[in-house]
Amino acid sequence: RSRCVAVASHAFRTPLTTIQSSVQLLETYFERWPEQKRKDHLARIRESVSGLAHLIQRMLAFEEIQSGKIQPVPVKMDLVDLCLQATHDLTRELARPLVRFEKHGQDFTVFQDKDLLYQVVINLLSNAFKYSPPDKPVLLEVWVEKHGARIEVRDEGIGIPAADLPHLGEAFFRGSNTGHLPGSGLGLLIVIQALHLIGGQLQIESVEHQGTLMRVTF
């Protein structure tokens, strides 16, 4: 519990500090600053608020899954539609349009729990965005075949050190090269737990400084 509180406190402190700093500067220099500089600080505030909202969503999802109260409710749905919805929701919040989406096949109908699968996709995308440069696209690919489905999220970001790979998915664990970036260490854990509930698996391939591939099968 103490580690949870410490991680949550750190994760909230960074965006709150950014908001407070920008508000104070705007209050002091609003009349003297050019319009573009005011817009830049307003954009920092908006991005920090979006980050806080997403962090709260992650913590709520983690708590719901951890509680054991969630039971999968499979429904017939289109996997492409779900992936596009998650992409739209996330890129709208983070103002990041660089997502390449590719679909392989014709029929993308699956019978699966929609909410849990949504959590899988949006958390994988969120991690890819967070740990890769804003000018590098994130690739999202979808396959639906006779005996299963596959989703892959590939980025060209900082990658994961080899020594950290065995610890991915541990509660509140963060890579040793992510200290300068905000985060709670919950995203990948939510993915793994959600996949466990729906009978899916996660494979990770990563090279530090080159990027990461997250492959989901179910």
Foldseek 3Di string as FASTA:
>chain_A
DVLLVVLVVQLLVVLVVLLVVLVVCCVVCVVPDDPVVNVVSVVSNQLSVLSVVVQVVLVVLLVVLVVVPDAWDWDKDFPVVLLVVLVVVVCVSNVQPQEAEEEDDDGRIDTTRSVLVSLLNNLLVVVQCQFADSVWHWYWYKYQDDPKIKIKIKHFGQWAPPVCVVVQLPQQDDGPPCPVTRDRSRSRVSNQSSCVNGVKDWDKDIDGNGIIMIMIMD
